[in-house]
Protein backbone atom coordinates (compact mmCIF):
# COMPACT_ATOMS: atom_id res chain seq x y z
CA MET A 1 23.76 -3.95 16.37
CA ASN A 2 22.52 -7.45 17.23
CA LYS A 3 20.82 -7.32 20.63
CA GLY A 4 20.13 -11.03 20.95
CA TRP A 5 17.87 -11.16 17.90
CA LYS A 6 18.08 -14.30 15.83
CA THR A 7 19.79 -13.47 12.58
CA LYS A 8 21.53 -15.38 9.86
CA LYS A 9 23.92 -14.35 7.15
CA ARG A 10 23.23 -15.63 3.66
CA LEU A 11 25.92 -15.40 1.06
CA ILE A 12 24.85 -14.80 -2.51
CA GLY A 13 27.57 -14.83 -5.12
CA LYS A 14 30.41 -12.64 -3.92
CA SER A 15 28.38 -10.52 -1.50
CA GLY A 16 26.78 -11.24 1.85
CA ASP A 17 23.28 -9.93 2.53
CA LEU A 18 21.70 -9.75 5.96
CA PHE A 19 17.94 -10.23 6.10
CA LEU A 20 15.71 -9.95 9.13
CA THR A 21 12.21 -11.03 10.04
CA ARG A 22 9.96 -11.26 13.09
CA ARG A 23 8.09 -14.25 14.48
CA SER A 24 4.83 -12.41 15.19
CA GLY A 25 3.65 -8.89 14.52
CA THR A 26 6.19 -6.99 12.45
CA LEU A 27 7.86 -8.97 9.71
CA ARG A 28 11.19 -7.88 8.29
CA ARG A 29 11.70 -8.84 4.69
CA ALA A 30 14.14 -8.39 1.87
CA ARG A 31 13.81 -8.98 -1.84
CA VAL A 32 16.59 -10.11 -4.11
CA ASP A 33 16.85 -9.92 -7.91
CA ALA A 34 17.88 -12.78 -10.23
CA ILE A 35 21.61 -12.18 -9.76
CA GLY A 36 21.39 -12.05 -5.96
CA LYS A 37 21.52 -8.27 -5.51
CA THR A 38 19.39 -6.89 -2.68
CA ARG A 39 16.88 -4.53 -4.28
CA TYR A 40 14.22 -3.89 -1.63
CA VAL A 41 13.85 -4.07 2.16
CA GLY A 42 10.63 -3.56 4.08
CA ILE A 43 8.39 -4.31 7.04
CA THR A 44 4.88 -5.75 7.26
CA SER A 45 2.67 -6.85 10.14
CA ARG A 46 0.53 -9.06 7.88
CA GLU A 47 1.01 -12.58 6.59
CA THR A 48 4.12 -12.91 4.47
CA ALA A 49 2.31 -14.63 1.60
CA ILE A 50 -0.24 -11.82 1.36
CA ARG A 51 2.40 -9.08 1.16
CA VAL A 52 4.51 -11.06 -1.34
CA ALA A 53 1.42 -11.58 -3.52
CA GLU A 54 0.69 -7.84 -3.42
CA HIS A 55 4.19 -7.06 -4.66
CA ALA A 56 3.96 -9.77 -7.33
CA ALA A 57 0.65 -8.35 -8.61
CA SER A 58 1.96 -4.79 -8.76
CA SER A 59 3.33 -3.21 -11.90
CA THR A 60 6.42 -1.96 -10.06
CA ALA A 61 10.02 -3.15 -10.25
CA LYS A 62 9.39 -5.06 -6.98
CA ALA A 63 7.04 -7.47 -8.81
CA GLY A 64 9.83 -9.64 -10.26
CA LEU A 65 11.92 -10.01 -7.12
CA SER A 66 12.20 -13.10 -4.92
CA TYR A 67 11.42 -12.79 -1.22
CA GLU A 68 13.07 -14.35 1.80
CA PRO A 69 12.41 -13.62 5.50
CA VAL A 70 15.31 -14.66 7.71
CA ALA A 71 15.59 -13.34 11.31
CA THR A 72 13.18 -13.08 14.22
CA GLY A 73 12.44 -11.15 17.39
CA LEU A 74 12.13 -7.48 16.36
CA SER A 75 9.76 -4.90 17.80
CA ARG A 76 8.28 -2.37 15.37
CA ILE A 77 10.91 0.28 16.17
CA ASP A 78 13.74 -2.26 16.10
CA ALA A 79 12.54 -3.42 12.68
CA ARG A 80 12.53 0.20 11.46
CA ILE A 81 16.07 0.73 12.80
CA TRP A 82 17.28 -2.41 11.01
CA GLU A 83 15.44 -1.37 7.86
CA GLN A 84 17.04 2.09 7.94
CA ASN A 85 20.50 0.60 8.49
CA LEU A 86 19.97 -1.66 5.46
CA ILE A 87 18.73 1.31 3.43
CA ASN A 88 21.88 3.18 4.42
CA GLN A 89 24.03 0.14 3.56
CA PHE A 90 22.56 -0.53 0.11
CA GLY A 91 21.40 2.99 -0.72
CA LEU A 92 18.22 4.37 -2.26
CA GLN A 93 18.26 4.17 -6.06
CA LYS A 94 17.32 7.84 -6.36
CA ASN A 95 20.57 8.65 -4.52
CA GLY A 96 22.71 6.31 -6.62
CA GLY A 97 22.13 3.17 -4.53
CA GLN A 98 20.63 -0.18 -5.53
CA LEU A 99 17.34 -0.28 -3.56
CA PHE A 100 13.91 0.26 -5.12
CA ASN A 101 12.75 1.73 -1.78
CA GLN A 102 11.51 5.28 -2.31
CA ILE A 103 11.92 6.71 1.19
CA ASN A 104 13.86 6.23 4.39
CA SER A 105 12.21 4.25 7.19
CA ILE A 106 13.32 6.91 9.69
CA ALA A 107 13.93 10.55 8.73
CA PRO A 108 17.65 11.43 8.82
CA LYS A 109 17.07 14.18 11.41
CA TYR A 110 16.08 11.44 13.92
CA TRP A 111 18.86 8.96 13.19
CA TRP A 112 20.95 10.12 16.14
CA GLN A 113 18.14 9.09 18.53
CA TYR A 114 18.43 5.48 17.35
CA GLY A 115 22.19 5.23 16.87
CA ILE A 116 21.87 5.24 13.07
CA TYR A 117 24.77 6.63 11.10
CA PRO A 118 25.17 7.23 7.36
CA GLN A 119 27.30 4.63 5.59
């Protein structure tokens, strides 16, 4: 899955979480709750601080999460593929998973086009 993108693995407690980001343009981000559980993954093309402040000011469950960007070099579609793979890995809460994300980044009917498989 890593096509030369800079990534790093960060271990939190007993589980390892992979987070991705981009140097310019699309930013890959992940939010973690107080016990180190990944609860939200997303993409933004704006300044990190602005998007983090928007989440913090919201009245959603994402407001109390900490944010950490960690990998660089993704195009918009590559960021969406990574995001979808992380959504598949951690699962949408509405389907019994742990993520606050409400929708998939890429519709399941198109996963085959990007080499995405259910976990």
